[in-house]
């Protein structure tokens, strides 16, 4: 029996419980992983509350799709891993089928990668969701090139910070937005070329100013809602507005109708477009691992909680004050 976080009803952080659960042996194509650290993501808060793109199938339900740990056992037919290997678990499966908020977890081998040398469990749990989201949208789908401008909303999030580094890696220019000036210095230190405080400045005017009127080739938006109307106005011809989150909680209009921009390229993006495609994932893993090796990519960890502090960790996640990733560690 292992300790795992479960919830028996939809709701806020207070519905989370640390309980003892039985753990079976890994089946075909699966690994048993001792979990040392867990990366928290907004998707888990939405799943817990019943607002995720995928509903909870049954109760009690588990949580978590990103973690770092050590392989303990291999299921039938699994190759490429051995017991004792340090690994990271990627968000490549439904939380209705697998979950990693636990001391140990059974996960698909296809959702596991070897952890690069020198990357500890806390950092190993803070890498993949953020960098795969940024890489998948900007490089795999967008084909970002040197000199392109990338506008980032919620730029102090783990994905926003990773996108700053990914943009710089390909020679693009990251322009960060944030609601208040509290995170301005942190974003400049993280590598943003410009920081726009949306509560004090006109986003459209600033982006057009820093791009000499051209607009941004890419906008990576985690907020959605009515704000996409302004973001659409800063997209350069042939540019793309990626919507990968819904922090606003409001309905998102399609700007083409409102602005007379029928040629606007606006699309949603989820990390599963990369993690569930073996060819894309292979390229993404190589790209991210190379950046980690040479220091171009450094995951930013905001705060670390213990597993028995999972309720407090989710409250901090929902408060939205973090700069970087929230990680939960597991003692053994």
C-alpha atoms as a PDB file:
ATOM      1  CA  UNK A   1       0.000   0.000   0.000  1.00  0.00           C
ATOM      2  CA  UNK A   2       1.239   3.506  -0.836  1.00  0.00           C
ATOM      3  CA  UNK A   3       0.123   7.002   0.078  1.00  0.00           C
ATOM      4  CA  UNK A   4      -1.598   8.826  -2.767  1.00  0.00           C
ATOM      5  CA  UNK A   5      -3.618  12.006  -3.135  1.00  0.00           C
ATOM      6  CA  UNK A   6      -7.234  11.406  -4.064  1.00  0.00           C
ATOM      7  CA  UNK A   7     -10.468  13.348  -4.093  1.00  0.00           C
ATOM      8  CA  UNK A   8     -13.997  12.007  -3.671  1.00  0.00           C
ATOM      9  CA  UNK A   9     -15.891  15.025  -5.009  1.00  0.00           C
ATOM     10  CA  UNK A  10     -15.296  18.073  -7.162  1.00  0.00           C
ATOM     11  CA  UNK A  11     -14.294  21.245  -5.390  1.00  0.00           C
ATOM     12  CA  UNK A  12     -11.477  23.439  -4.122  1.00  0.00           C
ATOM     13  CA  UNK A  13      -8.125  22.383  -2.686  1.00  0.00           C
ATOM     14  CA  UNK A  14      -9.825  21.231   0.512  1.00  0.00           C
ATOM     15  CA  UNK A  15     -11.266  18.145  -1.232  1.00  0.00           C
ATOM     16  CA  UNK A  16      -7.792  16.620  -1.612  1.00  0.00           C
ATOM     17  CA  UNK A  17      -6.974  13.734   0.736  1.00  0.00           C
ATOM     18  CA  UNK A  18      -3.788  11.744   1.341  1.00  0.00           C
ATOM     19  CA  UNK A  19      -4.895   8.122   1.550  1.00  0.00           C
ATOM     20  CA  UNK A  20      -3.492   4.629   1.442  1.00  0.00           C
ATOM     21  CA  UNK A  21      -4.123   2.825  -1.849  1.00  0.00           C
ATOM     22  CA  UNK A  22      -3.187  -0.595  -3.184  1.00  0.00           C
ATOM     23  CA  UNK A  23      -0.745  -0.614  -6.068  1.00  0.00           C
ATOM     24  CA  UNK A  24      -0.715  -3.413  -8.620  1.00  0.00           C
ATOM     25  CA  UNK A  25       2.245  -4.577 -10.658  1.00  0.00           C
ATOM     26  CA  UNK A  26       2.902  -2.675 -13.899  1.00  0.00           C
ATOM     27  CA  UNK A  27       1.108  -4.138 -16.898  1.00  0.00           C
ATOM     28  CA  UNK A  28       2.248  -4.377 -20.506  1.00  0.00           C
ATOM     29  CA  UNK A  29       3.841  -1.135 -21.644  1.00  0.00           C
ATOM     30  CA  UNK A  30       3.944   0.287 -18.106  1.00  0.00           C
ATOM     31  CA  UNK A  31       6.559   1.228 -15.511  1.00  0.00           C
ATOM     32  CA  UNK A  32       6.436   1.393 -11.746  1.00  0.00           C
ATOM     33  CA  UNK A  33       8.132   4.635 -10.692  1.00  0.00           C
ATOM     34  CA  UNK A  34       9.088   5.712  -7.200  1.00  0.00           C
ATOM     35  CA  UNK A  35       7.985   9.334  -7.155  1.00  0.00           C
ATOM     36  CA  UNK A  36      10.471  11.781  -5.608  1.00  0.00           C
ATOM     37  CA  UNK A  37       9.014  15.099  -6.808  1.00  0.00           C
ATOM     38  CA  UNK A  38       5.795  16.226  -8.490  1.00  0.00           C
ATOM     39  CA  UNK A  39       5.309  19.213 -10.776  1.00  0.00           C
ATOM     40  CA  UNK A  40       2.013  21.012 -10.195  1.00  0.00           C
ATOM     41  CA  UNK A  41       0.080  22.321 -13.178  1.00  0.00           C
ATOM     42  CA  UNK A  42      -3.035  24.416 -13.631  1.00  0.00           C
ATOM     43  CA  UNK A  43      -4.679  21.475 -15.422  1.00  0.00           C
ATOM     44  CA  UNK A  44      -4.804  19.570 -12.129  1.00  0.00           C
ATOM     45  CA  UNK A  45      -6.664  22.361 -10.352  1.00  0.00           C
ATOM     46  CA  UNK A  46      -9.151  22.487 -13.227  1.00  0.00           C
ATOM     47  CA  UNK A  47      -9.574  18.689 -13.213  1.00  0.00           C
ATOM     48  CA  UNK A  48     -10.130  18.694  -9.448  1.00  0.00           C
ATOM     49  CA  UNK A  49     -12.754  21.439  -9.752  1.00  0.00           C
ATOM     50  CA  UNK A  50     -14.547  19.924 -12.739  1.00  0.00           C
ATOM     51  CA  UNK A  51     -13.529  22.615 -15.247  1.00  0.00           C
ATOM     52  CA  UNK A  52     -10.915  20.716 -17.254  1.00  0.00           C
ATOM     53  CA  UNK A  53     -11.291  19.811 -20.938  1.00  0.00           C
ATOM     54  CA  UNK A  54     -11.778  16.227 -19.733  1.00  0.00           C
ATOM     55  CA  UNK A  55     -14.268  15.439 -16.945  1.00  0.00           C
ATOM     56  CA  UNK A  56     -13.544  13.177 -13.982  1.00  0.00           C
ATOM     57  CA  UNK A  57     -14.736   9.718 -14.962  1.00  0.00           C
ATOM     58  CA  UNK A  58     -15.269   8.252 -11.481  1.00  0.00           C
ATOM     59  CA  UNK A  59     -14.524   8.763  -7.801  1.00  0.00           C
ATOM     60  CA  UNK A  60     -12.285   8.499  -5.919  1.00  0.00           C
ATOM     61  CA  UNK A  61     -10.037  10.173  -8.478  1.00  0.00           C
ATOM     62  CA  UNK A  62      -6.303  10.763  -8.611  1.00  0.00           C
ATOM     63  CA  UNK A  63      -4.284  13.729  -9.824  1.00  0.00           C
ATOM     64  CA  UNK A  64      -1.005  14.555 -11.469  1.00  0.00           C
ATOM     65  CA  UNK A  65       0.738  14.003 -14.788  1.00  0.00           C
ATOM     66  CA  UNK A  66       4.278  15.319 -14.251  1.00  0.00           C
ATOM     67  CA  UNK A  67       6.884  13.980 -11.865  1.00  0.00           C
ATOM     68  CA  UNK A  68      10.460  12.869 -11.362  1.00  0.00           C
ATOM     69  CA  UNK A  69      11.624   9.684  -9.711  1.00  0.00           C
ATOM     70  CA  UNK A  70      13.342   6.342 -10.156  1.00  0.00           C
ATOM     71  CA  UNK A  71      12.230   3.255 -12.081  1.00  0.00           C
ATOM     72  CA  UNK A  72      11.433   0.371  -9.738  1.00  0.00           C
ATOM     73  CA  UNK A  73       9.890  -2.233 -12.057  1.00  0.00           C
ATOM     74  CA  UNK A  74       9.132  -2.836 -15.728  1.00  0.00           C
ATOM     75  CA  UNK A  75       5.945  -4.257 -17.150  1.00  0.00           C
ATOM     76  CA  UNK A  76       5.943  -6.922 -19.872  1.00  0.00           C
ATOM     77  CA  UNK A  77       7.359  -5.769 -23.182  1.00  0.00           C
ATOM     78  CA  UNK A  78       9.008  -2.598 -21.850  1.00  0.00           C
ATOM     79  CA  UNK A  79      12.531  -1.912 -23.095  1.00  0.00           C
ATOM     80  CA  UNK A  80      14.933   1.005 -22.805  1.00  0.00           C
ATOM     81  CA  UNK A  81      14.676   1.316 -19.011  1.00  0.00           C
ATOM     82  CA  UNK A  82      16.106  -0.532 -16.052  1.00  0.00           C
ATOM     83  CA  UNK A  83      15.406  -0.473 -12.310  1.00  0.00           C
ATOM     84  CA  UNK A  84      17.225   2.376 -10.596  1.00  0.00           C
ATOM     85  CA  UNK A  85      17.191   4.673 -13.625  1.00  0.00           C
ATOM     86  CA  UNK A  86      16.368   8.323 -12.799  1.00  0.00           C
ATOM     87  CA  UNK A  87      13.461   9.464 -14.975  1.00  0.00           C
ATOM     88  CA  UNK A  88      10.834  12.123 -15.502  1.00  0.00           C
ATOM     89  CA  UNK A  89       7.162  11.434 -16.165  1.00  0.00           C
ATOM     90  CA  UNK A  90       5.621  13.576 -18.901  1.00  0.00           C
ATOM     91  CA  UNK A  91       2.005  14.777 -19.214  1.00  0.00           C
ATOM     92  CA  UNK A  92       1.108  12.283 -21.934  1.00  0.00           C
ATOM     93  CA  UNK A  93      -1.905  10.469 -20.464  1.00  0.00           C
ATOM     94  CA  UNK A  94      -5.337  11.030 -18.990  1.00  0.00           C
ATOM     95  CA  UNK A  95      -5.492  11.576 -15.232  1.00  0.00           C
ATOM     96  CA  UNK A  96      -8.519   9.284 -15.334  1.00  0.00           C
ATOM     97  CA  UNK A  97      -6.121   6.453 -16.199  1.00  0.00           C
ATOM     98  CA  UNK A  98      -2.915   7.311 -14.314  1.00  0.00           C
ATOM     99  CA  UNK A  99      -1.877   9.776 -11.623  1.00  0.00           C
ATOM    100  CA  UNK A 100       1.432  10.724  -9.999  1.00  0.00           C
ATOM    101  CA  UNK A 101       0.421  12.532  -6.801  1.00  0.00           C
ATOM    102  CA  UNK A 102       1.681   9.524  -4.859  1.00  0.00           C
ATOM    103  CA  UNK A 103       4.685   7.799  -3.293  1.00  0.00           C
ATOM    104  CA  UNK A 104       4.755   5.388  -6.227  1.00  0.00           C
ATOM    105  CA  UNK A 105       2.859   5.347  -9.495  1.00  0.00           C
ATOM    106  CA  UNK A 106       2.295   3.097 -12.478  1.00  0.00           C
ATOM    107  CA  UNK A 107       2.579   5.070 -15.703  1.00  0.00           C
ATOM    108  CA  UNK A 108       2.885   4.327 -19.430  1.00  0.00           C
ATOM    109  CA  UNK A 109       6.488   3.820 -20.493  1.00  0.00           C
ATOM    110  CA  UNK A 110       5.731   6.062 -23.480  1.00  0.00           C
ATOM    111  CA  UNK A 111       5.248   8.927 -21.010  1.00  0.00           C
ATOM    112  CA  UNK A 112       8.655   8.499 -19.360  1.00  0.00           C
ATOM    113  CA  UNK A 113      12.033   9.924 -20.364  1.00  0.00           C
ATOM    114  CA  UNK A 114      15.476   9.459 -18.884  1.00  0.00           C
ATOM    115  CA  UNK A 115      16.397  12.374 -16.676  1.00  0.00           C
ATOM    116  CA  UNK A 116      19.466  14.239 -17.978  1.00  0.00           C
ATOM    117  CA  UNK A 117      22.605  13.890 -15.871  1.00  0.00           C
ATOM    118  CA  UNK A 118      22.903  16.530 -13.187  1.00  0.00           C
ATOM    119  CA  UNK A 119      19.176  17.261 -13.083  1.00  0.00           C
ATOM    120  CA  UNK A 120      17.803  16.556  -9.618  1.00  0.00           C
ATOM    121  CA  UNK A 121      14.263  15.377  -8.901  1.00  0.00           C
ATOM    122  CA  UNK A 122      12.890  18.848  -8.068  1.00  0.00           C
ATOM    123  CA  UNK A 123      14.203  20.319 -11.313  1.00  0.00           C
ATOM    124  CA  UNK A 124      13.287  17.120 -13.149  1.00  0.00           C
ATOM    125  CA  UNK A 125       9.663  17.643 -12.102  1.00  0.00           C
ATOM    126  CA  UNK A 126       9.726  21.276 -13.238  1.00  0.00           C
ATOM    127  CA  UNK A 127      10.892  20.844 -16.831  1.00  0.00           C
ATOM    128  CA  UNK A 128       8.658  18.960 -19.163  1.00  0.00           C
ATOM    129  CA  UNK A 129       5.164  20.452 -19.082  1.00  0.00           C
ATOM    130  CA  UNK A 130       6.592  23.951 -19.376  1.00  0.00           C
ATOM    131  CA  UNK A 131       9.228  23.367 -22.030  1.00  0.00           C
ATOM    132  CA  UNK A 132       7.194  20.938 -24.120  1.00  0.00           C
ATOM    133  CA  UNK A 133       4.313  23.418 -24.226  1.00  0.00           C
ATOM    134  CA  UNK A 134       6.581  26.270 -25.263  1.00  0.00           C
ATOM    135  CA  UNK A 135       8.575  24.177 -27.741  1.00  0.00           C
ATOM    136  CA  UNK A 136       5.521  22.494 -29.233  1.00  0.00           C
ATOM    137  CA  UNK A 137       3.700  25.735 -29.982  1.00  0.00           C
ATOM    138  CA  UNK A 138       6.595  27.964 -30.992  1.00  0.00           C
ATOM    139  CA  UNK A 139       8.963  25.535 -32.724  1.00  0.00           C
ATOM    140  CA  UNK A 140       7.094  22.399 -33.729  1.00  0.00           C
ATOM    141  CA  UNK A 141       3.894  24.094 -34.891  1.00  0.00           C
ATOM    142  CA  UNK A 142       4.883  27.750 -35.305  1.00  0.00           C
ATOM    143  CA  UNK A 143       8.360  27.267 -36.836  1.00  0.00           C
ATOM    144  CA  UNK A 144       9.662  30.328 -34.971  1.00  0.00           C
ATOM    145  CA  UNK A 145      12.722  31.880 -36.605  1.00  0.00           C
ATOM    146  CA  UNK A 146      15.471  34.304 -35.581  1.00  0.00           C
ATOM    147  CA  UNK A 147      14.128  37.833 -35.308  1.00  0.00           C
ATOM    148  CA  UNK A 148      10.516  36.813 -34.702  1.00  0.00           C
ATOM    149  CA  UNK A 149       8.761  38.554 -31.820  1.00  0.00           C
ATOM    150  CA  UNK A 150       6.930  36.377 -29.301  1.00  0.00           C
ATOM    151  CA  UNK A 151       4.403  37.995 -26.944  1.00  0.00           C
ATOM    152  CA  UNK A 152       3.749  35.990 -23.768  1.00  0.00           C
ATOM    153  CA  UNK A 153       0.828  36.419 -21.394  1.00  0.00           C
ATOM    154  CA  UNK A 154       1.052  35.108 -17.803  1.00  0.00           C
ATOM    155  CA  UNK A 155       4.773  35.281 -18.458  1.00  0.00           C
ATOM    156  CA  UNK A 156       5.782  34.543 -14.861  1.00  0.00           C
ATOM    157  CA  UNK A 157       4.185  31.092 -15.044  1.00  0.00           C
ATOM    158  CA  UNK A 158       6.396  28.069 -15.586  1.00  0.00           C
ATOM    159  CA  UNK A 159       5.337  27.915 -19.258  1.00  0.00           C
ATOM    160  CA  UNK A 160       5.874  31.657 -19.694  1.00  0.00           C
ATOM    161  CA  UNK A 161       9.395  31.484 -18.269  1.00  0.00           C
ATOM    162  CA  UNK A 162      10.208  28.417 -20.368  1.00  0.00           C
ATOM    163  CA  UNK A 163       8.877  30.206 -23.463  1.00  0.00           C
ATOM    164  CA  UNK A 164      11.242  33.118 -22.804  1.00  0.00           C
ATOM    165  CA  UNK A 165      14.157  30.685 -22.870  1.00  0.00           C
ATOM    166  CA  UNK A 166      12.855  28.732 -25.869  1.00  0.00           C
ATOM    167  CA  UNK A 167      12.339  31.959 -27.825  1.00  0.00           C
ATOM    168  CA  UNK A 168      15.884  33.072 -27.075  1.00  0.00           C
ATOM    169  CA  UNK A 169      17.200  29.624 -27.996  1.00  0.00           C
ATOM    170  CA  UNK A 170      15.888  30.033 -31.555  1.00  0.00           C
ATOM    171  CA  UNK A 171      16.880  33.687 -31.822  1.00  0.00           C
ATOM    172  CA  UNK A 172      13.394  35.115 -31.323  1.00  0.00           C
ATOM    173  CA  UNK A 173      12.567  38.155 -29.169  1.00  0.00           C
ATOM    174  CA  UNK A 174      10.400  37.433 -26.085  1.00  0.00           C
ATOM    175  CA  UNK A 175       8.049  40.211 -24.932  1.00  0.00           C
ATOM    176  CA  UNK A 176       6.472  39.406 -21.563  1.00  0.00           C
ATOM    177  CA  UNK A 177       3.205  40.709 -20.177  1.00  0.00           C
ATOM    178  CA  UNK A 178       2.156  40.727 -16.527  1.00  0.00           C
ATOM    179  CA  UNK A 179      -0.793  42.258 -14.687  1.00  0.00           C
ATOM    180  CA  UNK A 180       1.169  44.224 -12.065  1.00  0.00           C
ATOM    181  CA  UNK A 181       4.709  45.623 -11.798  1.00  0.00           C
ATOM    182  CA  UNK A 182       5.543  43.166  -8.980  1.00  0.00           C
ATOM    183  CA  UNK A 183       7.013  40.620 -11.407  1.00  0.00           C
ATOM    184  CA  UNK A 184       8.686  43.030 -13.849  1.00  0.00           C
ATOM    185  CA  UNK A 185      12.239  42.636 -12.546  1.00  0.00           C
ATOM    186  CA  UNK A 186      11.927  38.860 -12.302  1.00  0.00           C
ATOM    187  CA  UNK A 187      10.836  38.696 -15.934  1.00  0.00           C
ATOM    188  CA  UNK A 188      13.669  40.933 -17.135  1.00  0.00           C
ATOM    189  CA  UNK A 189      16.116  38.817 -15.147  1.00  0.00           C
ATOM    190  CA  UNK A 190      14.592  35.711 -16.762  1.00  0.00           C
ATOM    191  CA  UNK A 191      15.493  37.071 -20.204  1.00  0.00           C
ATOM    192  CA  UNK A 192      12.460  38.999 -21.446  1.00  0.00           C
ATOM    193  CA  UNK A 193      13.460  41.714 -23.897  1.00  0.00           C
ATOM    194  CA  UNK A 194      10.502  43.862 -22.843  1.00  0.00           C
ATOM    195  CA  UNK A 195       7.965  43.648 -20.031  1.00  0.00           C
ATOM    196  CA  UNK A 196       4.499  45.153 -20.470  1.00  0.00           C
ATOM    197  CA  UNK A 197       2.447  45.727 -17.319  1.00  0.00           C
ATOM    198  CA  UNK A 198      -1.101  45.296 -18.586  1.00  0.00           C
ATOM    199  CA  UNK A 199      -2.662  47.111 -15.643  1.00  0.00           C
ATOM    200  CA  UNK A 200      -0.702  50.273 -16.466  1.00  0.00           C
ATOM    201  CA  UNK A 201       0.140  50.164 -20.169  1.00  0.00           C
ATOM    202  CA  UNK A 202      -1.642  49.722 -23.482  1.00  0.00           C
ATOM    203  CA  UNK A 203      -0.578  46.333 -24.792  1.00  0.00           C
ATOM    204  CA  UNK A 204      -1.362  47.100 -28.422  1.00  0.00           C
ATOM    205  CA  UNK A 205       0.591  50.361 -28.452  1.00  0.00           C
ATOM    206  CA  UNK A 206       3.595  48.875 -26.659  1.00  0.00           C
ATOM    207  CA  UNK A 207       3.866  45.791 -28.872  1.00  0.00           C
ATOM    208  CA  UNK A 208       3.531  47.837 -32.044  1.00  0.00           C
ATOM    209  CA  UNK A 209       6.150  50.259 -30.693  1.00  0.00           C
ATOM    210  CA  UNK A 210       8.734  47.583 -29.868  1.00  0.00           C
ATOM    211  CA  UNK A 211       8.180  45.899 -33.258  1.00  0.00           C
ATOM    212  CA  UNK A 212       8.324  49.155 -35.237  1.00  0.00           C
ATOM    213  CA  UNK A 213       4.672  48.755 -36.196  1.00  0.00           C
ATOM    214  CA  UNK A 214       5.089  45.254 -37.614  1.00  0.00           C
ATOM    215  CA  UNK A 215       3.412  43.340 -34.804  1.00  0.00           C
ATOM    216  CA  UNK A 216       4.384  40.026 -33.234  1.00  0.00           C
ATOM    217  CA  UNK A 217       4.847  36.871 -35.248  1.00  0.00           C
ATOM    218  CA  UNK A 218       3.568  34.854 -32.283  1.00  0.00           C
ATOM    219  CA  UNK A 219       1.385  35.396 -29.252  1.00  0.00           C
ATOM    220  CA  UNK A 220       1.342  32.614 -26.653  1.00  0.00           C
ATOM    221  CA  UNK A 221      -1.713  33.252 -24.511  1.00  0.00           C
ATOM    222  CA  UNK A 222      -2.545  31.461 -21.256  1.00  0.00           C
ATOM    223  CA  UNK A 223      -5.401  33.777 -20.288  1.00  0.00           C
ATOM    224  CA  UNK A 224      -7.962  33.686 -23.140  1.00  0.00           C
ATOM    225  CA  UNK A 225     -11.310  35.433 -22.616  1.00  0.00           C
ATOM    226  CA  UNK A 226     -12.081  38.933 -23.970  1.00  0.00           C
ATOM    227  CA  UNK A 227      -8.391  39.884 -23.886  1.00  0.00           C
ATOM    228  CA  UNK A 228      -7.775  37.997 -27.122  1.00  0.00           C
ATOM    229  CA  UNK A 229      -9.356  40.932 -28.964  1.00  0.00           C
ATOM    230  CA  UNK A 230      -6.427  43.165 -28.024  1.00  0.00           C
ATOM    231  CA  UNK A 231      -3.906  40.387 -28.564  1.00  0.00           C
ATOM    232  CA  UNK A 232      -5.263  39.845 -32.079  1.00  0.00           C
ATOM    233  CA  UNK A 233      -4.461  43.466 -32.912  1.00  0.00           C
ATOM    234  CA  UNK A 234      -0.750  42.893 -32.282  1.00  0.00           C
ATOM    235  CA  UNK A 235      -0.353  39.793 -34.465  1.00  0.00           C
ATOM    236  CA  UNK A 236       1.783  40.465 -37.532  1.00  0.00           C
ATOM    237  CA  UNK A 237       0.631  39.388 -41.002  1.00  0.00           C
ATOM    238  CA  UNK A 238       0.927  35.584 -41.229  1.00  0.00           C
ATOM    239  CA  UNK A 239       1.490  35.478 -37.463  1.00  0.00           C
ATOM    240  CA  UNK A 240      -0.223  33.104 -35.039  1.00  0.00           C
ATOM    241  CA  UNK A 241      -2.143  33.604 -31.817  1.00  0.00           C
ATOM    242  CA  UNK A 242      -1.820  30.428 -29.728  1.00  0.00           C
ATOM    243  CA  UNK A 243      -4.301  29.998 -26.882  1.00  0.00           C
ATOM    244  CA  UNK A 244      -3.070  27.306 -24.484  1.00  0.00           C
ATOM    245  CA  UNK A 245      -4.864  28.203 -21.241  1.00  0.00           C
ATOM    246  CA  UNK A 246      -8.001  29.806 -19.876  1.00  0.00           C
ATOM    247  CA  UNK A 247      -6.956  31.665 -16.735  1.00  0.00           C
ATOM    248  CA  UNK A 248      -9.595  34.340 -17.271  1.00  0.00           C
ATOM    249  CA  UNK A 249     -12.418  31.842 -16.825  1.00  0.00           C
ATOM    250  CA  UNK A 250     -14.440  33.832 -19.381  1.00  0.00           C
ATOM    251  CA  UNK A 251     -15.707  32.973 -22.838  1.00  0.00           C
ATOM    252  CA  UNK A 252     -13.203  33.578 -25.630  1.00  0.00           C
ATOM    253  CA  UNK A 253     -14.505  35.409 -28.711  1.00  0.00           C
ATOM    254  CA  UNK A 254     -13.093  34.813 -32.167  1.00  0.00           C
ATOM    255  CA  UNK A 255     -11.420  38.112 -33.103  1.00  0.00           C
ATOM    256  CA  UNK A 256     -11.860  37.800 -36.858  1.00  0.00           C
ATOM    257  CA  UNK A 257     -15.528  38.698 -36.635  1.00  0.00           C
ATOM    258  CA  UNK A 258     -15.019  41.640 -34.288  1.00  0.00           C
ATOM    259  CA  UNK A 259     -11.948  43.119 -35.915  1.00  0.00           C
ATOM    260  CA  UNK A 260     -12.485  42.360 -39.565  1.00  0.00           C
ATOM    261  CA  UNK A 261      -9.504  40.001 -39.541  1.00  0.00           C
ATOM    262  CA  UNK A 262     -10.732  36.866 -41.306  1.00  0.00           C
ATOM    263  CA  UNK A 263      -7.139  35.886 -42.104  1.00  0.00           C
ATOM    264  CA  UNK A 264      -6.079  35.849 -38.437  1.00  0.00           C
ATOM    265  CA  UNK A 265      -4.404  32.551 -37.582  1.00  0.00           C
ATOM    266  CA  UNK A 266      -5.731  31.736 -34.103  1.00  0.00           C
ATOM    267  CA  UNK A 267      -5.583  28.225 -32.697  1.00  0.00           C
ATOM    268  CA  UNK A 268      -5.674  26.366 -29.435  1.00  0.00           C
ATOM    269  CA  UNK A 269      -2.662  24.352 -28.356  1.00  0.00           C
ATOM    270  CA  UNK A 270      -2.298  21.584 -25.785  1.00  0.00           C
ATOM    271  CA  UNK A 271       0.882  19.830 -24.745  1.00  0.00           C
ATOM    272  CA  UNK A 272      -0.673  16.511 -25.777  1.00  0.00           C
ATOM    273  CA  UNK A 273      -0.113  17.519 -29.410  1.00  0.00           C
ATOM    274  CA  UNK A 274       3.561  16.936 -28.660  1.00  0.00           C
ATOM    275  CA  UNK A 275       3.584  14.302 -25.914  1.00  0.00           C
ATOM    276  CA  UNK A 276       1.203  11.890 -27.659  1.00  0.00           C
ATOM    277  CA  UNK A 277       2.989  12.012 -31.031  1.00  0.00           C
ATOM    278  CA  UNK A 278       6.137   9.827 -30.825  1.00  0.00           C
ATOM    279  CA  UNK A 279       7.962  11.700 -33.603  1.00  0.00           C
ATOM    280  CA  UNK A 280       7.238  15.139 -32.160  1.00  0.00           C
ATOM    281  CA  UNK A 281       8.110  13.957 -28.671  1.00  0.00           C
ATOM    282  CA  UNK A 282      11.452  12.568 -29.853  1.00  0.00           C
ATOM    283  CA  UNK A 283      12.366  15.922 -31.410  1.00  0.00           C
ATOM    284  CA  UNK A 284      11.097  17.831 -28.374  1.00  0.00           C
ATOM    285  CA  UNK A 285      13.061  15.694 -25.931  1.00  0.00           C
ATOM    286  CA  UNK A 286      16.251  16.238 -27.922  1.00  0.00           C
ATOM    287  CA  UNK A 287      15.649  20.005 -28.102  1.00  0.00           C
ATOM    288  CA  UNK A 288      14.933  20.389 -24.387  1.00  0.00           C
ATOM    289  CA  UNK A 289      17.727  18.050 -23.285  1.00  0.00           C
ATOM    290  CA  UNK A 290      20.277  19.966 -25.362  1.00  0.00           C
ATOM    291  CA  UNK A 291      19.182  23.223 -23.758  1.00  0.00           C
ATOM    292  CA  UNK A 292      19.471  21.716 -20.284  1.00  0.00           C
ATOM    293  CA  UNK A 293      22.943  20.376 -21.035  1.00  0.00           C
ATOM    294  CA  UNK A 294      24.408  23.670 -22.210  1.00  0.00           C
ATOM    295  CA  UNK A 295      22.620  25.868 -19.662  1.00  0.00           C
ATOM    296  CA  UNK A 296      20.291  27.646 -22.072  1.00  0.00           C
ATOM    297  CA  UNK A 297      17.338  26.128 -20.208  1.00  0.00           C
ATOM    298  CA  UNK A 298      17.084  26.464 -16.448  1.00  0.00           C
ATOM    299  CA  UNK A 299      13.735  25.530 -14.898  1.00  0.00           C
ATOM    300  CA  UNK A 300      12.565  28.099 -12.355  1.00  0.00           C
ATOM    301  CA  UNK A 301      11.105  26.666  -9.138  1.00  0.00           C
ATOM    302  CA  UNK A 302       8.941  29.071  -7.172  1.00  0.00           C
ATOM    303  CA  UNK A 303       8.184  27.062  -4.036  1.00  0.00           C
ATOM    304  CA  UNK A 304       8.510  23.497  -2.760  1.00  0.00           C
ATOM    305  CA  UNK A 305       5.888  21.758  -0.609  1.00  0.00           C
ATOM    306  CA  UNK A 306       5.784  18.298   0.975  1.00  0.00           C
ATOM    307  CA  UNK A 307       3.232  15.725  -0.158  1.00  0.00           C
ATOM    308  CA  UNK A 308       1.238  16.097   3.056  1.00  0.00           C
ATOM    309  CA  UNK A 309       0.986  19.824   2.280  1.00  0.00           C
ATOM    310  CA  UNK A 310      -0.842  19.199  -0.994  1.00  0.00           C
ATOM    311  CA  UNK A 311      -3.857  21.306   0.017  1.00  0.00           C
ATOM    312  CA  UNK A 312      -1.622  24.294   0.777  1.00  0.00           C
ATOM    313  CA  UNK A 313       0.278  23.689  -2.482  1.00  0.00           C
ATOM    314  CA  UNK A 314      -2.952  23.844  -4.492  1.00  0.00           C
ATOM    315  CA  UNK A 315      -4.029  26.990  -2.672  1.00  0.00           C
ATOM    316  CA  UNK A 316      -0.731  28.603  -3.643  1.00  0.00           C
ATOM    317  CA  UNK A 317      -1.198  27.392  -7.221  1.00  0.00           C
ATOM    318  CA  UNK A 318      -4.611  29.031  -7.428  1.00  0.00           C
ATOM    319  CA  UNK A 319      -3.419  32.269  -5.809  1.00  0.00           C
ATOM    320  CA  UNK A 320      -1.417  33.010  -8.961  1.00  0.00           C
ATOM    321  CA  UNK A 321       1.431  34.806  -7.196  1.00  0.00           C
ATOM    322  CA  UNK A 322       4.167  32.359  -8.116  1.00  0.00           C
ATOM    323  CA  UNK A 323       7.097  32.993 -10.419  1.00  0.00           C
ATOM    324  CA  UNK A 324       7.908  29.629 -11.952  1.00  0.00           C
ATOM    325  CA  UNK A 325       6.970  26.099 -11.000  1.00  0.00           C
ATOM    326  CA  UNK A 326       5.412  24.790  -7.817  1.00  0.00           C
ATOM    327  CA  UNK A 327       6.905  21.420  -6.859  1.00  0.00           C
ATOM    328  CA  UNK A 328       5.813  18.868  -4.238  1.00  0.00           C
ATOM    329  CA  UNK A 329       8.432  16.510  -2.827  1.00  0.00           C
ATOM    330  CA  UNK A 330       7.878  12.978  -1.540  1.00  0.00           C
ATOM    331  CA  UNK A 331       9.843  11.578   1.408  1.00  0.00           C
ATOM    332  CA  UNK A 332      10.599   7.872   1.458  1.00  0.00           C
END
